[in-house]
């Protein structure tokens, strides 16, 4: 996908339901400006300076953002911010964050997500 991202004017990603949006980080790592939905999870790691955030069901807002993404000044800002943000999601940092999360989940004795190592019979 990297060659496609690199020649694209922008990644337009008006998702209405999303788990994380890895395509957003991939595009940013390639220097491609991003237009993404103004919903979680995007709003958890993107600011209005990092990407053009839009209402995912408002086609006029999406179209306007597409026009803004073609502006050379906006493109330069989005490209720079995107490269900086994507650099924070390198494999080592991401793996370490997952390991911390898994350890936290496994040490939870308060009956959280499969407390300890117990797996419900329905999933065994």
PDB file of N, CA and C in Angstrom:
ATOM      1  N   UNK A   1       0.807  -1.198   0.000  1.00  0.00           N
ATOM      2  CA  UNK A   1       0.000   0.000   0.000  1.00  0.00           C
ATOM      3  C   UNK A   1       0.852   1.266   0.000  1.00  0.00           C
ATOM      4  N   UNK A   2       2.063   1.189   0.519  1.00  0.00           N
ATOM      5  CA  UNK A   2       2.887   2.388   0.642  1.00  0.00           C
ATOM      6  C   UNK A   2       3.039   3.148  -0.681  1.00  0.00           C
ATOM      7  N   UNK A   3       3.300   2.456  -1.807  1.00  0.00           N
ATOM      8  CA  UNK A   3       3.411   3.204  -3.060  1.00  0.00           C
ATOM      9  C   UNK A   3       2.115   3.943  -3.424  1.00  0.00           C
ATOM     10  N   UNK A   4       0.977   3.350  -3.108  1.00  0.00           N
ATOM     11  CA  UNK A   4      -0.312   3.988  -3.399  1.00  0.00           C
ATOM     12  C   UNK A   4      -0.484   5.228  -2.522  1.00  0.00           C
ATOM     13  N   UNK A   5      -0.185   5.091  -1.221  1.00  0.00           N
ATOM     14  CA  UNK A   5      -0.284   6.240  -0.319  1.00  0.00           C
ATOM     15  C   UNK A   5       0.610   7.385  -0.791  1.00  0.00           C
ATOM     16  N   UNK A   6       1.817   7.049  -1.234  1.00  0.00           N
ATOM     17  CA  UNK A   6       2.792   8.087  -1.610  1.00  0.00           C
ATOM     18  C   UNK A   6       2.361   8.905  -2.823  1.00  0.00           C
ATOM     19  N   UNK A   7       1.564   8.333  -3.716  1.00  0.00           N
ATOM     20  CA  UNK A   7       1.130   9.098  -4.890  1.00  0.00           C
ATOM     21  C   UNK A   7      -0.256   9.702  -4.710  1.00  0.00           C
ATOM     22  N   UNK A   8      -0.925   9.358  -3.609  1.00  0.00           N
ATOM     23  CA  UNK A   8      -2.274   9.882  -3.365  1.00  0.00           C
ATOM     24  C   UNK A   8      -2.203  11.331  -2.899  1.00  0.00           C
ATOM     25  N   UNK A   9      -3.199  12.115  -3.279  1.00  0.00           N
ATOM     26  CA  UNK A   9      -3.292  13.494  -2.780  1.00  0.00           C
ATOM     27  C   UNK A   9      -3.691  13.504  -1.318  1.00  0.00           C
ATOM     28  N   UNK A  10      -4.481  12.534  -0.881  1.00  0.00           N
ATOM     29  CA  UNK A  10      -4.911  12.423   0.517  1.00  0.00           C
ATOM     30  C   UNK A  10      -5.536  11.054   0.726  1.00  0.00           C
ATOM     31  N   UNK A  11      -5.560  10.638   1.982  1.00  0.00           N
ATOM     32  CA  UNK A  11      -6.357   9.478   2.361  1.00  0.00           C
ATOM     33  C   UNK A  11      -7.657  10.039   2.916  1.00  0.00           C
ATOM     34  N   UNK A  12      -8.766   9.700   2.279  1.00  0.00           N
ATOM     35  CA  UNK A  12     -10.089  10.135   2.733  1.00  0.00           C
ATOM     36  C   UNK A  12     -10.711   8.930   3.432  1.00  0.00           C
ATOM     37  N   UNK A  13     -10.880   9.038   4.756  1.00  0.00           N
ATOM     38  CA  UNK A  13     -11.255   7.900   5.578  1.00  0.00           C
ATOM     39  C   UNK A  13     -12.441   8.267   6.467  1.00  0.00           C
ATOM     40  N   UNK A  14     -13.627   8.488   5.866  1.00  0.00           N
ATOM     41  CA  UNK A  14     -14.802   8.898   6.650  1.00  0.00           C
ATOM     42  C   UNK A  14     -15.543   7.707   7.256  1.00  0.00           C
ATOM     43  N   UNK A  15     -14.835   6.932   8.048  1.00  0.00           N
ATOM     44  CA  UNK A  15     -15.401   5.744   8.666  1.00  0.00           C
ATOM     45  C   UNK A  15     -16.408   6.138   9.743  1.00  0.00           C
ATOM     46  N   UNK A  16     -17.498   5.367   9.849  1.00  0.00           N
ATOM     47  CA  UNK A  16     -18.488   5.641  10.894  1.00  0.00           C
ATOM     48  C   UNK A  16     -18.292   4.728  12.107  1.00  0.00           C
ATOM     49  N   UNK A  17     -17.581   3.624  11.940  1.00  0.00           N
ATOM     50  CA  UNK A  17     -17.247   2.723  13.035  1.00  0.00           C
ATOM     51  C   UNK A  17     -15.829   2.231  12.771  1.00  0.00           C
ATOM     52  N   UNK A  18     -14.977   2.336  13.769  1.00  0.00           N
ATOM     53  CA  UNK A  18     -13.586   1.971  13.537  1.00  0.00           C
ATOM     54  C   UNK A  18     -12.964   1.457  14.823  1.00  0.00           C
ATOM     55  N   UNK A  19     -12.082   0.470  14.688  1.00  0.00           N
ATOM     56  CA  UNK A  19     -11.376  -0.056  15.845  1.00  0.00           C
ATOM     57  C   UNK A  19     -10.160   0.764  16.192  1.00  0.00           C
ATOM     58  N   UNK A  20      -9.387   1.161  15.200  1.00  0.00           N
ATOM     59  CA  UNK A  20      -8.220   2.019  15.406  1.00  0.00           C
ATOM     60  C   UNK A  20      -7.976   2.875  14.180  1.00  0.00           C
ATOM     61  N   UNK A  21      -7.979   2.291  13.025  1.00  0.00           N
ATOM     62  CA  UNK A  21      -7.721   3.042  11.806  1.00  0.00           C
ATOM     63  C   UNK A  21      -6.263   2.997  11.414  1.00  0.00           C
ATOM     64  N   UNK A  22      -5.712   1.796  11.312  1.00  0.00           N
ATOM     65  CA  UNK A  22      -4.304   1.633  10.951  1.00  0.00           C
ATOM     66  C   UNK A  22      -3.973   2.308   9.628  1.00  0.00           C
ATOM     67  N   UNK A  23      -4.908   2.334   8.698  1.00  0.00           N
ATOM     68  CA  UNK A  23      -4.659   2.980   7.398  1.00  0.00           C
ATOM     69  C   UNK A  23      -4.274   4.448   7.574  1.00  0.00           C
ATOM     70  N   UNK A  24      -4.819   5.102   8.593  1.00  0.00           N
ATOM     71  CA  UNK A  24      -4.491   6.507   8.856  1.00  0.00           C
ATOM     72  C   UNK A  24      -3.010   6.645   9.181  1.00  0.00           C
ATOM     73  N   UNK A  25      -2.512   5.808  10.075  1.00  0.00           N
ATOM     74  CA  UNK A  25      -1.098   5.861  10.452  1.00  0.00           C
ATOM     75  C   UNK A  25      -0.215   5.474   9.273  1.00  0.00           C
ATOM     76  N   UNK A  26      -0.627   4.474   8.504  1.00  0.00           N
ATOM     77  CA  UNK A  26       0.147   4.065   7.325  1.00  0.00           C
ATOM     78  C   UNK A  26       0.269   5.213   6.336  1.00  0.00           C
ATOM     79  N   UNK A  27      -0.834   5.894   6.057  1.00  0.00           N
ATOM     80  CA  UNK A  27      -0.802   7.017   5.123  1.00  0.00           C
ATOM     81  C   UNK A  27       0.091   8.135   5.655  1.00  0.00           C
ATOM     82  N   UNK A  28      -0.043   8.451   6.925  1.00  0.00           N
ATOM     83  CA  UNK A  28       0.782   9.503   7.518  1.00  0.00           C
ATOM     84  C   UNK A  28       2.260   9.158   7.442  1.00  0.00           C
ATOM     85  N   UNK A  29       2.600   7.895   7.669  1.00  0.00           N
ATOM     86  CA  UNK A  29       3.993   7.460   7.592  1.00  0.00           C
ATOM     87  C   UNK A  29       4.561   7.639   6.188  1.00  0.00           C
ATOM     88  N   UNK A  30       3.680   7.677   5.195  1.00  0.00           N
ATOM     89  CA  UNK A  30       4.093   7.877   3.800  1.00  0.00           C
ATOM     90  C   UNK A  30       4.045   9.353   3.392  1.00  0.00           C
ATOM     91  N   UNK A  31       3.694  10.232   4.332  1.00  0.00           N
ATOM     92  CA  UNK A  31       3.626  11.656   4.028  1.00  0.00           C
ATOM     93  C   UNK A  31       2.338  12.087   3.355  1.00  0.00           C
ATOM     94  N   UNK A  32       1.312  11.250   3.432  1.00  0.00           N
ATOM     95  CA  UNK A  32       0.038  11.550   2.794  1.00  0.00           C
ATOM     96  C   UNK A  32      -0.899  12.242   3.779  1.00  0.00           C
ATOM     97  N   UNK A  33      -1.440  13.409   3.421  1.00  0.00           N
ATOM     98  CA  UNK A  33      -2.415  14.071   4.294  1.00  0.00           C
ATOM     99  C   UNK A  33      -3.639  13.179   4.504  1.00  0.00           C
ATOM    100  N   UNK A  34      -4.235  13.312   5.687  1.00  0.00           N
ATOM    101  CA  UNK A  34      -5.356  12.455   6.056  1.00  0.00           C
ATOM    102  C   UNK A  34      -6.596  13.282   6.356  1.00  0.00           C
ATOM    103  N   UNK A  35      -7.713  12.789   5.839  1.00  0.00           N
ATOM    104  CA  UNK A  35      -9.042  13.290   6.189  1.00  0.00           C
ATOM    105  C   UNK A  35      -9.717  12.117   6.889  1.00  0.00           C
ATOM    106  N   UNK A  36     -10.048  12.295   8.168  1.00  0.00           N
ATOM    107  CA  UNK A  36     -10.626  11.206   8.947  1.00  0.00           C
ATOM    108  C   UNK A  36     -11.862  11.688   9.684  1.00  0.00           C
ATOM    109  N   UNK A  37     -12.641  10.750  10.140  1.00  0.00           N
ATOM    110  CA  UNK A  37     -13.860  11.051  10.880  1.00  0.00           C
ATOM    111  C   UNK A  37     -13.539  11.684  12.234  1.00  0.00           C
ATOM    112  N   UNK A  38     -14.373  12.607  12.614  1.00  0.00           N
ATOM    113  CA  UNK A  38     -14.249  13.252  13.928  1.00  0.00           C
ATOM    114  C   UNK A  38     -14.984  12.386  14.958  1.00  0.00           C
ATOM    115  N   UNK A  39     -14.509  11.146  15.115  1.00  0.00           N
ATOM    116  CA  UNK A  39     -15.075  10.187  16.067  1.00  0.00           C
ATOM    117  C   UNK A  39     -13.918   9.453  16.731  1.00  0.00           C
ATOM    118  N   UNK A  40     -14.222   8.822  17.876  1.00  0.00           N
ATOM    119  CA  UNK A  40     -13.245   7.903  18.456  1.00  0.00           C
ATOM    120  C   UNK A  40     -13.157   6.693  17.523  1.00  0.00           C
ATOM    121  N   UNK A  41     -12.038   6.150  17.276  1.00  0.00           N
ATOM    122  CA  UNK A  41     -10.780   6.314  17.963  1.00  0.00           C
ATOM    123  C   UNK A  41      -9.902   7.439  17.425  1.00  0.00           C
ATOM    124  N   UNK A  42     -10.256   8.009  16.289  1.00  0.00           N
ATOM    125  CA  UNK A  42      -9.404   9.034  15.670  1.00  0.00           C
ATOM    126  C   UNK A  42      -9.166  10.213  16.597  1.00  0.00           C
ATOM    127  N   UNK A  43     -10.202  10.665  17.290  1.00  0.00           N
ATOM    128  CA  UNK A  43     -10.067  11.813  18.175  1.00  0.00           C
ATOM    129  C   UNK A  43      -9.228  11.484  19.411  1.00  0.00           C
ATOM    130  N   UNK A  44      -8.925  10.221  19.621  1.00  0.00           N
ATOM    131  CA  UNK A  44      -8.079   9.830  20.747  1.00  0.00           C
ATOM    132  C   UNK A  44      -6.603  10.012  20.437  1.00  0.00           C
ATOM    133  N   UNK A  45      -6.220  10.021  19.157  1.00  0.00           N
ATOM    134  CA  UNK A  45      -4.802  10.184  18.839  1.00  0.00           C
ATOM    135  C   UNK A  45      -4.532  11.237  17.765  1.00  0.00           C
ATOM    136  N   UNK A  46      -5.564  11.826  17.196  1.00  0.00           N
ATOM    137  CA  UNK A  46      -5.395  12.885  16.202  1.00  0.00           C
ATOM    138  C   UNK A  46      -5.975  14.194  16.720  1.00  0.00           C
ATOM    139  N   UNK A  47      -5.298  15.276  16.401  1.00  0.00           N
ATOM    140  CA  UNK A  47      -5.856  16.598  16.689  1.00  0.00           C
ATOM    141  C   UNK A  47      -6.220  17.248  15.358  1.00  0.00           C
ATOM    142  N   UNK A  48      -6.851  18.391  15.431  1.00  0.00           N
ATOM    143  CA  UNK A  48      -7.214  19.137  14.210  1.00  0.00           C
ATOM    144  C   UNK A  48      -5.961  19.591  13.452  1.00  0.00           C
ATOM    145  N   UNK A  49      -4.808  19.604  14.133  1.00  0.00           N
ATOM    146  CA  UNK A  49      -3.552  19.968  13.469  1.00  0.00           C
ATOM    147  C   UNK A  49      -2.921  18.787  12.735  1.00  0.00           C
ATOM    148  N   UNK A  50      -3.266  17.566  13.156  1.00  0.00           N
ATOM    149  CA  UNK A  50      -2.669  16.365  12.568  1.00  0.00           C
ATOM    150  C   UNK A  50      -3.365  15.919  11.297  1.00  0.00           C
ATOM    151  N   UNK A  51      -4.677  16.114  11.243  1.00  0.00           N
ATOM    152  CA  UNK A  51      -5.484  15.638  10.124  1.00  0.00           C
ATOM    153  C   UNK A  51      -6.690  16.555   9.980  1.00  0.00           C
ATOM    154  N   UNK A  52      -7.360  16.456   8.854  1.00  0.00           N
ATOM    155  CA  UNK A  52      -8.613  17.176   8.673  1.00  0.00           C
ATOM    156  C   UNK A  52      -9.715  16.255   9.181  1.00  0.00           C
ATOM    157  N   UNK A  53     -10.304  16.609  10.309  1.00  0.00           N
ATOM    158  CA  UNK A  53     -11.332  15.778  10.926  1.00  0.00           C
ATOM    159  C   UNK A  53     -12.702  16.269  10.499  1.00  0.00           C
ATOM    160  N   UNK A  54     -13.534  15.319  10.072  1.00  0.00           N
ATOM    161  CA  UNK A  54     -14.843  15.655   9.500  1.00  0.00           C
ATOM    162  C   UNK A  54     -15.954  14.807  10.094  1.00  0.00           C
ATOM    163  N   UNK A  55     -17.173  15.301   9.929  1.00  0.00           N
ATOM    164  CA  UNK A  55     -18.360  14.516  10.239  1.00  0.00           C
ATOM    165  C   UNK A  55     -18.461  13.449   9.144  1.00  0.00           C
ATOM    166  N   UNK A  56     -18.410  12.162   9.498  1.00  0.00           N
ATOM    167  CA  UNK A  56     -18.348  11.124   8.475  1.00  0.00           C
ATOM    168  C   UNK A  56     -19.604  10.950   7.627  1.00  0.00           C
ATOM    169  N   UNK A  57     -20.691  11.589   8.005  1.00  0.00           N
ATOM    170  CA  UNK A  57     -21.918  11.467   7.211  1.00  0.00           C
ATOM    171  C   UNK A  57     -22.288  12.778   6.518  1.00  0.00           C
ATOM    172  N   UNK A  58     -21.407  13.753   6.584  1.00  0.00           N
ATOM    173  CA  UNK A  58     -21.664  15.051   5.954  1.00  0.00           C
ATOM    174  C   UNK A  58     -20.805  15.169   4.690  1.00  0.00           C
ATOM    175  N   UNK A  59     -21.393  14.820   3.560  1.00  0.00           N
ATOM    176  CA  UNK A  59     -20.618  14.787   2.316  1.00  0.00           C
ATOM    177  C   UNK A  59     -20.094  16.166   1.920  1.00  0.00           C
ATOM    178  N   UNK A  60     -20.791  17.240   2.285  1.00  0.00           N
ATOM    179  CA  UNK A  60     -20.301  18.580   1.968  1.00  0.00           C
ATOM    180  C   UNK A  60     -19.050  18.910   2.785  1.00  0.00           C
ATOM    181  N   UNK A  61     -19.046  18.510   4.045  1.00  0.00           N
ATOM    182  CA  UNK A  61     -17.867  18.730   4.886  1.00  0.00           C
ATOM    183  C   UNK A  61     -16.688  17.892   4.388  1.00  0.00           C
ATOM    184  N   UNK A  62     -16.962  16.676   3.971  1.00  0.00           N
ATOM    185  CA  UNK A  62     -15.905  15.816   3.427  1.00  0.00           C
ATOM    186  C   UNK A  62     -15.339  16.430   2.147  1.00  0.00           C
ATOM    187  N   UNK A  63     -16.210  16.893   1.262  1.00  0.00           N
ATOM    188  CA  UNK A  63     -15.763  17.518   0.009  1.00  0.00           C
ATOM    189  C   UNK A  63     -14.934  18.762   0.285  1.00  0.00           C
ATOM    190  N   UNK A  64     -15.356  19.582   1.252  1.00  0.00           N
ATOM    191  CA  UNK A  64     -14.597  20.791   1.594  1.00  0.00           C
ATOM    192  C   UNK A  64     -13.213  20.416   2.126  1.00  0.00           C
ATOM    193  N   UNK A  65     -13.139  19.377   2.947  1.00  0.00           N
ATOM    194  CA  UNK A  65     -11.845  18.933   3.460  1.00  0.00           C
ATOM    195  C   UNK A  65     -10.953  18.430   2.328  1.00  0.00           C
ATOM    196  N   UNK A  66     -11.546  17.763   1.347  1.00  0.00           N
ATOM    197  CA  UNK A  66     -10.765  17.298   0.201  1.00  0.00           C
ATOM    198  C   UNK A  66     -10.151  18.477  -0.541  1.00  0.00           C
ATOM    199  N   UNK A  67     -10.913  19.540  -0.681  1.00  0.00           N
ATOM    200  CA  UNK A  67     -10.381  20.752  -1.305  1.00  0.00           C
ATOM    201  C   UNK A  67      -9.254  21.357  -0.484  1.00  0.00           C
ATOM    202  N   UNK A  68      -9.436  21.422   0.840  1.00  0.00           N
ATOM    203  CA  UNK A  68      -8.390  21.980   1.716  1.00  0.00           C
ATOM    204  C   UNK A  68      -7.125  21.135   1.666  1.00  0.00           C
ATOM    205  N   UNK A  69      -7.276  19.829   1.521  1.00  0.00           N
ATOM    206  CA  UNK A  69      -6.107  18.941   1.474  1.00  0.00           C
ATOM    207  C   UNK A  69      -5.243  19.190   0.249  1.00  0.00           C
ATOM    208  N   UNK A  70      -5.809  19.827  -0.769  1.00  0.00           N
ATOM    209  CA  UNK A  70      -5.048  20.137  -1.989  1.00  0.00           C
ATOM    210  C   UNK A  70      -4.301  21.467  -1.890  1.00  0.00           C
ATOM    211  N   UNK A  71      -4.623  22.281  -0.886  1.00  0.00           N
ATOM    212  CA  UNK A  71      -3.930  23.557  -0.692  1.00  0.00           C
ATOM    213  C   UNK A  71      -2.478  23.276  -0.295  1.00  0.00           C
ATOM    214  N   UNK A  72      -1.500  23.856  -1.012  1.00  0.00           N
ATOM    215  CA  UNK A  72      -0.085  23.545  -0.742  1.00  0.00           C
ATOM    216  C   UNK A  72       0.343  23.830   0.705  1.00  0.00           C
ATOM    217  N   UNK A  73      -0.146  24.884   1.303  1.00  0.00           N
ATOM    218  CA  UNK A  73       0.239  25.203   2.684  1.00  0.00           C
ATOM    219  C   UNK A  73      -0.344  24.172   3.644  1.00  0.00           C
ATOM    220  N   UNK A  74      -1.617  23.852   3.468  1.00  0.00           N
ATOM    221  CA  UNK A  74      -2.255  22.841   4.314  1.00  0.00           C
ATOM    222  C   UNK A  74      -1.584  21.492   4.125  1.00  0.00           C
ATOM    223  N   UNK A  75      -1.272  21.138   2.882  1.00  0.00           N
ATOM    224  CA  UNK A  75      -0.621  19.855   2.597  1.00  0.00           C
ATOM    225  C   UNK A  75       0.713  19.755   3.320  1.00  0.00           C
ATOM    226  N   UNK A  76       1.490  20.821   3.258  1.00  0.00           N
ATOM    227  CA  UNK A  76       2.796  20.809   3.915  1.00  0.00           C
ATOM    228  C   UNK A  76       2.665  20.629   5.423  1.00  0.00           C
ATOM    229  N   UNK A  77       1.707  21.331   6.030  1.00  0.00           N
ATOM    230  CA  UNK A  77       1.487  21.224   7.477  1.00  0.00           C
ATOM    231  C   UNK A  77       1.018  19.816   7.835  1.00  0.00           C
ATOM    232  N   UNK A  78       0.034  19.298   7.085  1.00  0.00           N
ATOM    233  CA  UNK A  78      -0.490  17.966   7.364  1.00  0.00           C
ATOM    234  C   UNK A  78       0.577  16.890   7.162  1.00  0.00           C
ATOM    235  N   UNK A  79       1.378  17.055   6.133  1.00  0.00           N
ATOM    236  CA  UNK A  79       2.446  16.085   5.864  1.00  0.00           C
ATOM    237  C   UNK A  79       3.426  16.047   7.022  1.00  0.00           C
ATOM    238  N   UNK A  80       3.877  17.210   7.455  1.00  0.00           N
ATOM    239  CA  UNK A  80       4.844  17.295   8.542  1.00  0.00           C
ATOM    240  C   UNK A  80       4.285  16.726   9.844  1.00  0.00           C
ATOM    241  N   UNK A  81       3.072  17.142  10.195  1.00  0.00           N
ATOM    242  CA  UNK A  81       2.442  16.653  11.426  1.00  0.00           C
ATOM    243  C   UNK A  81       2.192  15.147  11.349  1.00  0.00           C
ATOM    244  N   UNK A  82       1.781  14.674  10.179  1.00  0.00           N
ATOM    245  CA  UNK A  82       1.519  13.253  10.013  1.00  0.00           C
ATOM    246  C   UNK A  82       2.766  12.404  10.169  1.00  0.00           C
ATOM    247  N   UNK A  83       3.868  12.850   9.587  1.00  0.00           N
ATOM    248  CA  UNK A  83       5.128  12.109   9.721  1.00  0.00           C
ATOM    249  C   UNK A  83       5.562  12.051  11.182  1.00  0.00           C
ATOM    250  N   UNK A  84       5.427  13.172  11.893  1.00  0.00           N
ATOM    251  CA  UNK A  84       5.794  13.201  13.317  1.00  0.00           C
ATOM    252  C   UNK A  84       4.907  12.247  14.125  1.00  0.00           C
ATOM    253  N   UNK A  85       3.612  12.286  13.869  1.00  0.00           N
ATOM    254  CA  UNK A  85       2.677  11.433  14.613  1.00  0.00           C
ATOM    255  C   UNK A  85       2.934   9.961  14.306  1.00  0.00           C
ATOM    256  N   UNK A  86       3.105   9.626  13.046  1.00  0.00           N
ATOM    257  CA  UNK A  86       3.321   8.222  12.662  1.00  0.00           C
ATOM    258  C   UNK A  86       4.593   7.666  13.288  1.00  0.00           C
ATOM    259  N   UNK A  87       5.597   8.500  13.474  1.00  0.00           N
ATOM    260  CA  UNK A  87       6.854   8.044  14.068  1.00  0.00           C
ATOM    261  C   UNK A  87       6.655   7.558  15.501  1.00  0.00           C
ATOM    262  N   UNK A  88       5.619   8.019  16.166  1.00  0.00           N
ATOM    263  CA  UNK A  88       5.340   7.578  17.535  1.00  0.00           C
ATOM    264  C   UNK A  88       4.753   6.166  17.565  1.00  0.00           C
ATOM    265  N   UNK A  89       4.351   5.640  16.419  1.00  0.00           N
ATOM    266  CA  UNK A  89       3.728   4.320  16.346  1.00  0.00           C
ATOM    267  C   UNK A  89       4.667   3.286  15.727  1.00  0.00           C
ATOM    268  N   UNK A  90       5.958   3.355  16.074  1.00  0.00           N
ATOM    269  CA  UNK A  90       6.891   2.362  15.542  1.00  0.00           C
ATOM    270  C   UNK A  90       6.593   1.011  16.191  1.00  0.00           C
ATOM    271  N   UNK A  91       7.106  -0.058  15.593  1.00  0.00           N
ATOM    272  CA  UNK A  91       6.777  -1.404  16.048  1.00  0.00           C
ATOM    273  C   UNK A  91       7.199  -1.644  17.491  1.00  0.00           C
ATOM    274  N   UNK A  92       8.380  -1.173  17.889  1.00  0.00           N
ATOM    275  CA  UNK A  92       8.860  -1.411  19.255  1.00  0.00           C
ATOM    276  C   UNK A  92       7.959  -0.750  20.288  1.00  0.00           C
ATOM    277  N   UNK A  93       7.598   0.506  20.051  1.00  0.00           N
ATOM    278  CA  UNK A  93       6.729   1.223  20.991  1.00  0.00           C
ATOM    279  C   UNK A  93       5.347   0.593  21.050  1.00  0.00           C
ATOM    280  N   UNK A  94       4.831   0.206  19.906  1.00  0.00           N
ATOM    281  CA  UNK A  94       3.500  -0.409  19.852  1.00  0.00           C
ATOM    282  C   UNK A  94       3.496  -1.759  20.567  1.00  0.00           C
ATOM    283  N   UNK A  95       4.521  -2.564  20.333  1.00  0.00           N
ATOM    284  CA  UNK A  95       4.609  -3.867  21.006  1.00  0.00           C
ATOM    285  C   UNK A  95       4.737  -3.684  22.518  1.00  0.00           C
ATOM    286  N   UNK A  96       5.558  -2.730  22.949  1.00  0.00           N
ATOM    287  CA  UNK A  96       5.728  -2.486  24.387  1.00  0.00           C
ATOM    288  C   UNK A  96       4.413  -2.042  25.023  1.00  0.00           C
ATOM    289  N   UNK A  97       3.646  -1.210  24.343  1.00  0.00           N
ATOM    290  CA  UNK A  97       2.344  -0.769  24.866  1.00  0.00           C
ATOM    291  C   UNK A  97       1.391  -1.946  24.994  1.00  0.00           C
ATOM    292  N   UNK A  98       1.404  -2.858  24.030  1.00  0.00           N
ATOM    293  CA  UNK A  98       0.551  -4.045  24.098  1.00  0.00           C
ATOM    294  C   UNK A  98       0.951  -4.931  25.278  1.00  0.00           C
ATOM    295  N   UNK A  99       2.249  -5.129  25.455  1.00  0.00           N
ATOM    296  CA  UNK A  99       2.719  -5.964  26.560  1.00  0.00           C
ATOM    297  C   UNK A  99       2.284  -5.363  27.890  1.00  0.00           C
ATOM    298  N   UNK A 100       2.422  -4.043  28.064  1.00  0.00           N
ATOM    299  CA  UNK A 100       1.974  -3.386  29.300  1.00  0.00           C
ATOM    300  C   UNK A 100       0.476  -3.612  29.515  1.00  0.00           C
ATOM    301  N   UNK A 101      -0.294  -3.473  28.457  1.00  0.00           N
ATOM    302  CA  UNK A 101      -1.737  -3.665  28.550  1.00  0.00           C
ATOM    303  C   UNK A 101      -2.074  -5.106  28.925  1.00  0.00           C
ATOM    304  N   UNK A 102      -1.420  -6.064  28.302  1.00  0.00           N
ATOM    305  CA  UNK A 102      -1.683  -7.462  28.602  1.00  0.00           C
ATOM    306  C   UNK A 102      -1.332  -7.787  30.054  1.00  0.00           C
ATOM    307  N   UNK A 103      -0.187  -7.270  30.536  1.00  0.00           N
ATOM    308  CA  UNK A 103       0.195  -7.496  31.930  1.00  0.00           C
ATOM    309  C   UNK A 103      -0.839  -6.899  32.879  1.00  0.00           C
ATOM    310  N   UNK A 104      -1.325  -5.722  32.554  1.00  0.00           N
ATOM    311  CA  UNK A 104      -2.342  -5.078  33.383  1.00  0.00           C
ATOM    312  C   UNK A 104      -3.606  -5.932  33.413  1.00  0.00           C
ATOM    313  N   UNK A 105      -4.018  -6.429  32.256  1.00  0.00           N
ATOM    314  CA  UNK A 105      -5.220  -7.256  32.187  1.00  0.00           C
ATOM    315  C   UNK A 105      -5.039  -8.556  32.975  1.00  0.00           C
ATOM    316  N   UNK A 106      -3.881  -9.179  32.864  1.00  0.00           N
ATOM    317  CA  UNK A 106      -3.642 -10.454  33.528  1.00  0.00           C
ATOM    318  C   UNK A 106      -3.527 -10.294  35.044  1.00  0.00           C
ATOM    319  N   UNK A 107      -3.090  -9.130  35.512  1.00  0.00           N
ATOM    320  CA  UNK A 107      -2.937  -8.928  36.949  1.00  0.00           C
ATOM    321  C   UNK A 107      -4.206  -8.394  37.588  1.00  0.00           C
ATOM    322  N   UNK A 108      -5.223  -8.138  36.796  1.00  0.00           N
ATOM    323  CA  UNK A 108      -6.488  -7.616  37.315  1.00  0.00           C
ATOM    324  C   UNK A 108      -7.198  -8.724  38.089  1.00  0.00           C
ATOM    325  N   UNK A 109      -7.358  -8.499  39.391  1.00  0.00           N
ATOM    326  CA  UNK A 109      -8.047  -9.491  40.217  1.00  0.00           C
ATOM    327  C   UNK A 109      -9.453  -9.044  40.565  1.00  0.00           C
ATOM    328  N   UNK A 110      -9.869  -7.928  40.019  1.00  0.00           N
ATOM    329  CA  UNK A 110     -11.187  -7.404  40.340  1.00  0.00           C
ATOM    330  C   UNK A 110     -12.282  -7.933  39.434  1.00  0.00           C
ATOM    331  N   UNK A 111     -12.053  -9.047  38.783  1.00  0.00           N
ATOM    332  CA  UNK A 111     -13.096  -9.628  37.943  1.00  0.00           C
ATOM    333  C   UNK A 111     -13.218  -8.942  36.593  1.00  0.00           C
ATOM    334  N   UNK A 112     -12.148  -8.286  36.167  1.00  0.00           N
ATOM    335  CA  UNK A 112     -12.158  -7.611  34.868  1.00  0.00           C
ATOM    336  C   UNK A 112     -12.136  -8.619  33.740  1.00  0.00           C
ATOM    337  N   UNK A 113     -11.629  -8.216  32.625  1.00  0.00           N
ATOM    338  CA  UNK A 113     -11.577  -9.041  31.423  1.00  0.00           C
ATOM    339  C   UNK A 113     -10.827 -10.329  31.710  1.00  0.00           C
ATOM    340  N   UNK A 114     -11.533 -11.432  31.908  1.00  0.00           N
ATOM    341  CA  UNK A 114     -10.946 -12.738  32.179  1.00  0.00           C
ATOM    342  C   UNK A 114      -9.874 -12.636  33.254  1.00  0.00           C
ATOM    343  N   UNK A 115     -10.265 -12.198  34.440  1.00  0.00           N
ATOM    344  CA  UNK A 115      -9.342 -11.990  35.560  1.00  0.00           C
ATOM    345  C   UNK A 115      -8.358 -13.156  35.675  1.00  0.00           C
ATOM    346  N   UNK A 116      -7.119 -12.823  35.888  1.00  0.00           N
ATOM    347  CA  UNK A 116      -6.073 -13.830  35.947  1.00  0.00           C
ATOM    348  C   UNK A 116      -5.944 -14.528  34.618  1.00  0.00           C
ATOM    349  N   UNK A 117      -5.836 -15.846  34.652  1.00  0.00           N
ATOM    350  CA  UNK A 117      -5.715 -16.603  33.402  1.00  0.00           C
ATOM    351  C   UNK A 117      -6.987 -17.389  33.093  1.00  0.00           C
ATOM    352  N   UNK A 118      -8.018 -17.164  33.877  1.00  0.00           N
ATOM    353  CA  UNK A 118      -9.254 -17.924  33.691  1.00  0.00           C
ATOM    354  C   UNK A 118      -9.936 -17.521  32.390  1.00  0.00           C
ATOM    355  N   UNK A 119     -10.358 -18.496  31.640  1.00  0.00           N
ATOM    356  CA  UNK A 119     -11.094 -18.280  30.406  1.00  0.00           C
ATOM    357  C   UNK A 119     -12.468 -18.904  30.593  1.00  0.00           C
ATOM    358  N   UNK A 120     -13.527 -18.156  30.308  1.00  0.00           N
ATOM    359  CA  UNK A 120     -14.871 -18.730  30.472  1.00  0.00           C
ATOM    360  C   UNK A 120     -15.034 -20.015  29.660  1.00  0.00           C
ATOM    361  N   UNK A 121     -15.791 -20.961  30.194  1.00  0.00           N
ATOM    362  CA  UNK A 121     -16.034 -22.229  29.500  1.00  0.00           C
ATOM    363  C   UNK A 121     -16.550 -22.013  28.088  1.00  0.00           C
ATOM    364  N   UNK A 122     -17.343 -20.989  27.896  1.00  0.00           N
ATOM    365  CA  UNK A 122     -17.931 -20.745  26.578  1.00  0.00           C
ATOM    366  C   UNK A 122     -16.871 -20.404  25.534  1.00  0.00           C
ATOM    367  N   UNK A 123     -15.668 -19.972  25.988  1.00  0.00           N
ATOM    368  CA  UNK A 123     -14.607 -19.638  25.046  1.00  0.00           C
ATOM    369  C   UNK A 123     -13.490 -20.670  25.031  1.00  0.00           C
ATOM    370  N   UNK A 124     -13.535 -21.617  25.940  1.00  0.00           N
ATOM    371  CA  UNK A 124     -12.446 -22.612  26.050  1.00  0.00           C
ATOM    372  C   UNK A 124     -12.516 -23.604  24.915  1.00  0.00           C
TER     373      UNK A 124
END
